[in-house]
Amino acid sequence: MLKKFPAPSRGGASIYGKQFEDELNPELKFTGAGILAMANAGPDTNGSQFFLTLGPTQWLDGKHSIFGRVYQGMGVLNRIGMVETNGQDRPADDIKIVRATVPN
């Protein structure tokens, strides 16, 4: 968990195989906290990991596929951003998403 950086996820496998292409939209920008995007190791290396931004991260524009944003619950995201971490920037205690909804 990097302070003032995206909150990372740990993932398994993607339904698209090991890696899949970026889906970049130049109109979507990392303007603040709560942006949901795919984590990757470079162009077209998306897998099953995603991240949520904890603040503006403009240096990520055009490099990660944005596919959502936090609609409600920013207080929860802010609390996640304040958790204690170890030397590898991993949370001292597991953080789990137990419920998420997609509004109509």
N, C-alpha and C. Protein backbone atom coordinates (compact mmCIF):
# COMPACT_ATOMS: atom_id res chain seq x y z
N MET A 1 0.87 -1.16 0.00
CA MET A 1 0.00 0.00 0.00
C MET A 1 0.91 1.22 0.00
N LEU A 2 0.95 1.92 -1.10
CA LEU A 2 1.79 3.10 -1.21
C LEU A 2 0.97 4.33 -0.92
N LYS A 3 1.39 5.12 0.04
CA LYS A 3 0.66 6.33 0.39
C LYS A 3 0.63 7.28 -0.81
N LYS A 4 -0.52 7.89 -1.05
CA LYS A 4 -0.73 8.81 -2.18
C LYS A 4 -0.48 8.13 -3.52
N PHE A 5 -0.69 6.83 -3.58
CA PHE A 5 -0.54 6.05 -4.80
C PHE A 5 -1.71 5.09 -4.86
N PRO A 6 -1.91 4.41 -5.97
CA PRO A 6 -3.03 3.48 -6.04
C PRO A 6 -2.96 2.39 -4.98
N ALA A 7 -4.12 2.00 -4.48
CA ALA A 7 -4.22 0.87 -3.56
C ALA A 7 -4.25 -0.40 -4.41
N PRO A 8 -3.24 -1.27 -4.29
CA PRO A 8 -3.15 -2.44 -5.16
C PRO A 8 -4.05 -3.59 -4.73
N SER A 9 -4.27 -4.50 -5.65
CA SER A 9 -5.00 -5.73 -5.35
C SER A 9 -4.08 -6.91 -5.60
N ARG A 10 -4.47 -8.06 -5.09
CA ARG A 10 -3.76 -9.30 -5.41
C ARG A 10 -4.72 -10.12 -6.24
N GLY A 11 -4.24 -10.70 -7.29
CA GLY A 11 -5.17 -11.37 -8.17
C GLY A 11 -4.82 -12.79 -8.49
N GLY A 12 -5.73 -13.43 -9.18
CA GLY A 12 -5.56 -14.79 -9.63
C GLY A 12 -5.45 -14.81 -11.14
N ALA A 13 -6.48 -15.29 -11.81
CA ALA A 13 -6.45 -15.42 -13.26
C ALA A 13 -7.55 -14.58 -13.89
N SER A 14 -7.31 -14.20 -15.12
CA SER A 14 -8.30 -13.45 -15.89
C SER A 14 -9.10 -14.40 -16.77
N ILE A 15 -10.34 -14.05 -17.07
CA ILE A 15 -11.13 -14.87 -17.99
C ILE A 15 -10.61 -14.75 -19.41
N TYR A 16 -9.75 -13.77 -19.68
CA TYR A 16 -9.20 -13.55 -21.02
C TYR A 16 -7.87 -14.25 -21.22
N GLY A 17 -7.42 -15.03 -20.26
CA GLY A 17 -6.13 -15.68 -20.37
C GLY A 17 -5.11 -14.96 -19.50
N LYS A 18 -3.84 -15.25 -19.74
CA LYS A 18 -2.79 -14.70 -18.90
C LYS A 18 -2.73 -13.17 -18.95
N GLN A 19 -2.75 -12.61 -20.15
CA GLN A 19 -2.70 -11.15 -20.30
C GLN A 19 -3.63 -10.71 -21.42
N PHE A 20 -4.09 -9.48 -21.35
CA PHE A 20 -4.93 -8.96 -22.42
C PHE A 20 -4.60 -7.49 -22.68
N GLU A 21 -5.06 -7.00 -23.82
CA GLU A 21 -4.72 -5.66 -24.30
C GLU A 21 -5.33 -4.54 -23.45
N ASP A 22 -4.66 -3.40 -23.48
CA ASP A 22 -5.19 -2.20 -22.85
C ASP A 22 -6.45 -1.74 -23.58
N GLU A 23 -7.34 -1.11 -22.84
CA GLU A 23 -8.52 -0.46 -23.42
C GLU A 23 -8.50 0.98 -22.91
N LEU A 24 -7.71 1.80 -23.58
CA LEU A 24 -7.48 3.18 -23.13
C LEU A 24 -8.45 4.13 -23.80
N ASN A 25 -9.01 5.02 -22.99
CA ASN A 25 -9.91 6.06 -23.49
C ASN A 25 -9.29 7.40 -23.11
N PRO A 26 -8.86 8.20 -24.07
CA PRO A 26 -8.18 9.46 -23.76
C PRO A 26 -9.03 10.45 -22.97
N GLU A 27 -10.34 10.25 -22.93
CA GLU A 27 -11.21 11.14 -22.16
C GLU A 27 -11.22 10.79 -20.67
N LEU A 28 -10.79 9.59 -20.32
CA LEU A 28 -10.77 9.16 -18.91
C LEU A 28 -9.41 9.45 -18.31
N LYS A 29 -9.39 10.19 -17.20
CA LYS A 29 -8.14 10.63 -16.57
C LYS A 29 -8.14 10.28 -15.09
N PHE A 30 -6.94 10.15 -14.54
CA PHE A 30 -6.76 9.89 -13.11
C PHE A 30 -6.76 11.22 -12.36
N THR A 31 -7.96 11.78 -12.20
CA THR A 31 -8.11 13.13 -11.66
C THR A 31 -8.23 13.21 -10.14
N GLY A 32 -8.44 12.09 -9.47
CA GLY A 32 -8.62 12.14 -8.02
C GLY A 32 -8.77 10.76 -7.43
N ALA A 33 -9.18 10.73 -6.18
CA ALA A 33 -9.37 9.47 -5.46
C ALA A 33 -10.59 8.73 -5.99
N GLY A 34 -10.52 7.40 -5.93
CA GLY A 34 -11.67 6.58 -6.26
C GLY A 34 -11.74 6.09 -7.69
N ILE A 35 -10.71 6.31 -8.49
CA ILE A 35 -10.70 5.81 -9.87
C ILE A 35 -10.28 4.34 -9.84
N LEU A 36 -11.02 3.49 -10.55
CA LEU A 36 -10.79 2.04 -10.60
C LEU A 36 -10.17 1.70 -11.95
N ALA A 37 -9.00 1.05 -11.94
CA ALA A 37 -8.29 0.78 -13.19
C ALA A 37 -7.52 -0.54 -13.10
N MET A 38 -7.12 -1.02 -14.27
CA MET A 38 -6.34 -2.26 -14.36
C MET A 38 -4.88 -1.98 -14.02
N ALA A 39 -4.30 -2.86 -13.20
CA ALA A 39 -2.87 -2.83 -12.94
C ALA A 39 -2.18 -3.55 -14.09
N ASN A 40 -0.97 -3.12 -14.43
CA ASN A 40 -0.23 -3.81 -15.49
C ASN A 40 1.26 -3.60 -15.29
N ALA A 41 2.05 -4.32 -16.09
CA ALA A 41 3.50 -4.21 -16.05
C ALA A 41 4.02 -3.54 -17.31
N GLY A 42 3.15 -2.86 -18.04
CA GLY A 42 3.50 -2.21 -19.29
C GLY A 42 2.36 -2.39 -20.28
N PRO A 43 2.53 -1.88 -21.49
CA PRO A 43 1.46 -1.95 -22.47
C PRO A 43 0.97 -3.38 -22.72
N ASP A 44 -0.36 -3.53 -22.73
CA ASP A 44 -1.02 -4.79 -23.06
C ASP A 44 -0.64 -5.96 -22.16
N THR A 45 -0.41 -5.68 -20.88
CA THR A 45 -0.06 -6.74 -19.92
C THR A 45 -1.09 -6.83 -18.79
N ASN A 46 -2.34 -6.48 -19.07
CA ASN A 46 -3.39 -6.57 -18.05
C ASN A 46 -3.65 -8.03 -17.70
N GLY A 47 -3.95 -8.28 -16.44
CA GLY A 47 -4.28 -9.63 -15.98
C GLY A 47 -5.56 -9.58 -15.18
N SER A 48 -5.45 -9.89 -13.90
CA SER A 48 -6.65 -9.87 -13.05
C SER A 48 -6.54 -8.84 -11.93
N GLN A 49 -5.44 -8.12 -11.87
CA GLN A 49 -5.26 -7.16 -10.79
C GLN A 49 -5.79 -5.78 -11.19
N PHE A 50 -6.29 -5.08 -10.19
CA PHE A 50 -6.80 -3.73 -10.39
C PHE A 50 -6.32 -2.87 -9.24
N PHE A 51 -6.53 -1.57 -9.35
CA PHE A 51 -6.21 -0.67 -8.24
C PHE A 51 -7.24 0.44 -8.17
N LEU A 52 -7.31 1.05 -7.01
CA LEU A 52 -8.14 2.23 -6.75
C LEU A 52 -7.20 3.36 -6.38
N THR A 53 -7.40 4.52 -6.97
CA THR A 53 -6.53 5.64 -6.64
C THR A 53 -6.93 6.26 -5.30
N LEU A 54 -5.93 6.77 -4.61
CA LEU A 54 -6.14 7.43 -3.32
C LEU A 54 -6.05 8.95 -3.47
N GLY A 55 -5.78 9.41 -4.67
CA GLY A 55 -5.67 10.84 -4.97
C GLY A 55 -5.36 11.00 -6.45
N PRO A 56 -5.13 12.22 -6.91
CA PRO A 56 -4.78 12.43 -8.32
C PRO A 56 -3.48 11.70 -8.68
N THR A 57 -3.46 11.02 -9.79
CA THR A 57 -2.27 10.29 -10.25
C THR A 57 -2.14 10.48 -11.77
N GLN A 58 -1.96 11.73 -12.19
CA GLN A 58 -1.95 12.07 -13.61
C GLN A 58 -0.88 11.32 -14.40
N TRP A 59 0.22 10.93 -13.77
CA TRP A 59 1.29 10.23 -14.47
C TRP A 59 0.84 8.86 -14.99
N LEU A 60 -0.34 8.40 -14.54
CA LEU A 60 -0.88 7.12 -15.01
C LEU A 60 -1.79 7.28 -16.24
N ASP A 61 -2.13 8.52 -16.59
CA ASP A 61 -3.01 8.76 -17.75
C ASP A 61 -2.43 8.11 -19.00
N GLY A 62 -3.27 7.37 -19.73
CA GLY A 62 -2.85 6.72 -20.96
C GLY A 62 -2.03 5.47 -20.78
N LYS A 63 -1.86 5.02 -19.52
CA LYS A 63 -1.05 3.83 -19.25
C LYS A 63 -1.83 2.69 -18.62
N HIS A 64 -3.00 2.99 -18.07
CA HIS A 64 -3.82 1.98 -17.40
C HIS A 64 -5.28 2.15 -17.83
N SER A 65 -5.95 1.04 -18.07
CA SER A 65 -7.35 1.06 -18.49
C SER A 65 -8.26 1.38 -17.31
N ILE A 66 -8.92 2.53 -17.37
CA ILE A 66 -9.87 2.94 -16.34
C ILE A 66 -11.22 2.31 -16.67
N PHE A 67 -11.84 1.67 -15.67
CA PHE A 67 -13.14 1.05 -15.94
C PHE A 67 -14.19 1.33 -14.87
N GLY A 68 -13.91 2.22 -13.95
CA GLY A 68 -14.92 2.54 -12.96
C GLY A 68 -14.43 3.58 -11.97
N ARG A 69 -15.32 3.89 -11.02
CA ARG A 69 -14.96 4.81 -9.94
C ARG A 69 -15.83 4.48 -8.74
N VAL A 70 -15.36 4.90 -7.59
CA VAL A 70 -16.14 4.72 -6.36
C VAL A 70 -17.29 5.72 -6.40
N TYR A 71 -18.49 5.21 -6.27
CA TYR A 71 -19.70 6.03 -6.31
C TYR A 71 -20.15 6.40 -4.91
N GLN A 72 -20.05 5.45 -4.00
CA GLN A 72 -20.35 5.65 -2.58
C GLN A 72 -19.28 4.94 -1.78
N GLY A 73 -18.96 5.46 -0.62
CA GLY A 73 -18.01 4.78 0.24
C GLY A 73 -16.60 5.32 0.19
N MET A 74 -16.43 6.59 -0.20
CA MET A 74 -15.08 7.16 -0.23
C MET A 74 -14.43 7.14 1.15
N GLY A 75 -15.24 7.20 2.20
CA GLY A 75 -14.69 7.11 3.55
C GLY A 75 -13.98 5.79 3.78
N VAL A 76 -14.55 4.72 3.24
CA VAL A 76 -13.92 3.40 3.35
C VAL A 76 -12.59 3.39 2.61
N LEU A 77 -12.57 3.94 1.38
CA LEU A 77 -11.33 3.99 0.62
C LEU A 77 -10.28 4.82 1.36
N ASN A 78 -10.67 5.93 1.95
CA ASN A 78 -9.73 6.75 2.72
C ASN A 78 -9.16 5.98 3.89
N ARG A 79 -10.00 5.18 4.56
CA ARG A 79 -9.52 4.36 5.68
C ARG A 79 -8.55 3.29 5.19
N ILE A 80 -8.83 2.69 4.03
CA ILE A 80 -7.91 1.71 3.45
C ILE A 80 -6.55 2.36 3.19
N GLY A 81 -6.56 3.59 2.71
CA GLY A 81 -5.32 4.30 2.43
C GLY A 81 -4.49 4.64 3.66
N MET A 82 -5.07 4.52 4.85
CA MET A 82 -4.36 4.86 6.09
C MET A 82 -3.88 3.63 6.86
N VAL A 83 -4.08 2.42 6.33
CA VAL A 83 -3.70 1.22 7.08
C VAL A 83 -2.19 1.11 7.22
N GLU A 84 -1.78 0.45 8.27
CA GLU A 84 -0.36 0.20 8.51
C GLU A 84 0.16 -0.80 7.48
N THR A 85 1.38 -0.57 6.99
CA THR A 85 1.97 -1.47 5.99
C THR A 85 3.31 -2.00 6.46
N ASN A 86 3.77 -3.09 5.81
CA ASN A 86 5.07 -3.65 6.13
C ASN A 86 6.13 -3.07 5.18
N GLY A 87 7.33 -3.62 5.20
CA GLY A 87 8.44 -3.13 4.38
C GLY A 87 8.23 -3.27 2.88
N GLN A 88 7.30 -4.14 2.47
CA GLN A 88 7.00 -4.31 1.05
C GLN A 88 5.74 -3.53 0.65
N ASP A 89 5.32 -2.60 1.49
CA ASP A 89 4.12 -1.78 1.26
C ASP A 89 2.84 -2.60 1.19
N ARG A 90 2.84 -3.77 1.81
CA ARG A 90 1.62 -4.59 1.91
C ARG A 90 0.94 -4.27 3.23
N PRO A 91 -0.39 -4.27 3.25
CA PRO A 91 -1.11 -4.01 4.50
C PRO A 91 -0.73 -5.03 5.58
N ALA A 92 -0.59 -4.56 6.81
CA ALA A 92 -0.27 -5.46 7.93
C ALA A 92 -1.38 -6.49 8.12
N ASP A 93 -2.61 -6.12 7.89
CA ASP A 93 -3.76 -7.02 7.96
C ASP A 93 -4.42 -7.06 6.58
N ASP A 94 -4.99 -8.22 6.23
CA ASP A 94 -5.67 -8.35 4.94
C ASP A 94 -6.82 -7.34 4.82
N ILE A 95 -6.96 -6.80 3.63
CA ILE A 95 -8.08 -5.93 3.28
C ILE A 95 -8.86 -6.67 2.20
N LYS A 96 -10.15 -6.87 2.43
CA LYS A 96 -10.97 -7.61 1.47
C LYS A 96 -12.19 -6.79 1.06
N ILE A 97 -12.51 -6.89 -0.21
CA ILE A 97 -13.77 -6.33 -0.70
C ILE A 97 -14.80 -7.44 -0.54
N VAL A 98 -15.75 -7.25 0.36
CA VAL A 98 -16.74 -8.29 0.61
C VAL A 98 -18.04 -8.05 -0.15
N ARG A 99 -18.24 -6.84 -0.63
CA ARG A 99 -19.43 -6.55 -1.42
C ARG A 99 -19.17 -5.33 -2.30
N ALA A 100 -19.56 -5.44 -3.53
CA ALA A 100 -19.50 -4.32 -4.46
C ALA A 100 -20.74 -4.38 -5.33
N THR A 101 -21.25 -3.23 -5.70
CA THR A 101 -22.43 -3.19 -6.57
C THR A 101 -22.16 -2.29 -7.76
N VAL A 102 -22.87 -2.56 -8.82
CA VAL A 102 -22.80 -1.73 -10.03
C VAL A 102 -24.16 -1.06 -10.17
N PRO A 103 -24.20 0.28 -10.03
CA PRO A 103 -25.49 0.97 -10.14
C PRO A 103 -26.05 0.88 -11.56
N ASN A 104 -27.37 0.90 -11.65
CA ASN A 104 -28.03 0.87 -12.97
C ASN A 104 -27.91 2.20 -13.66
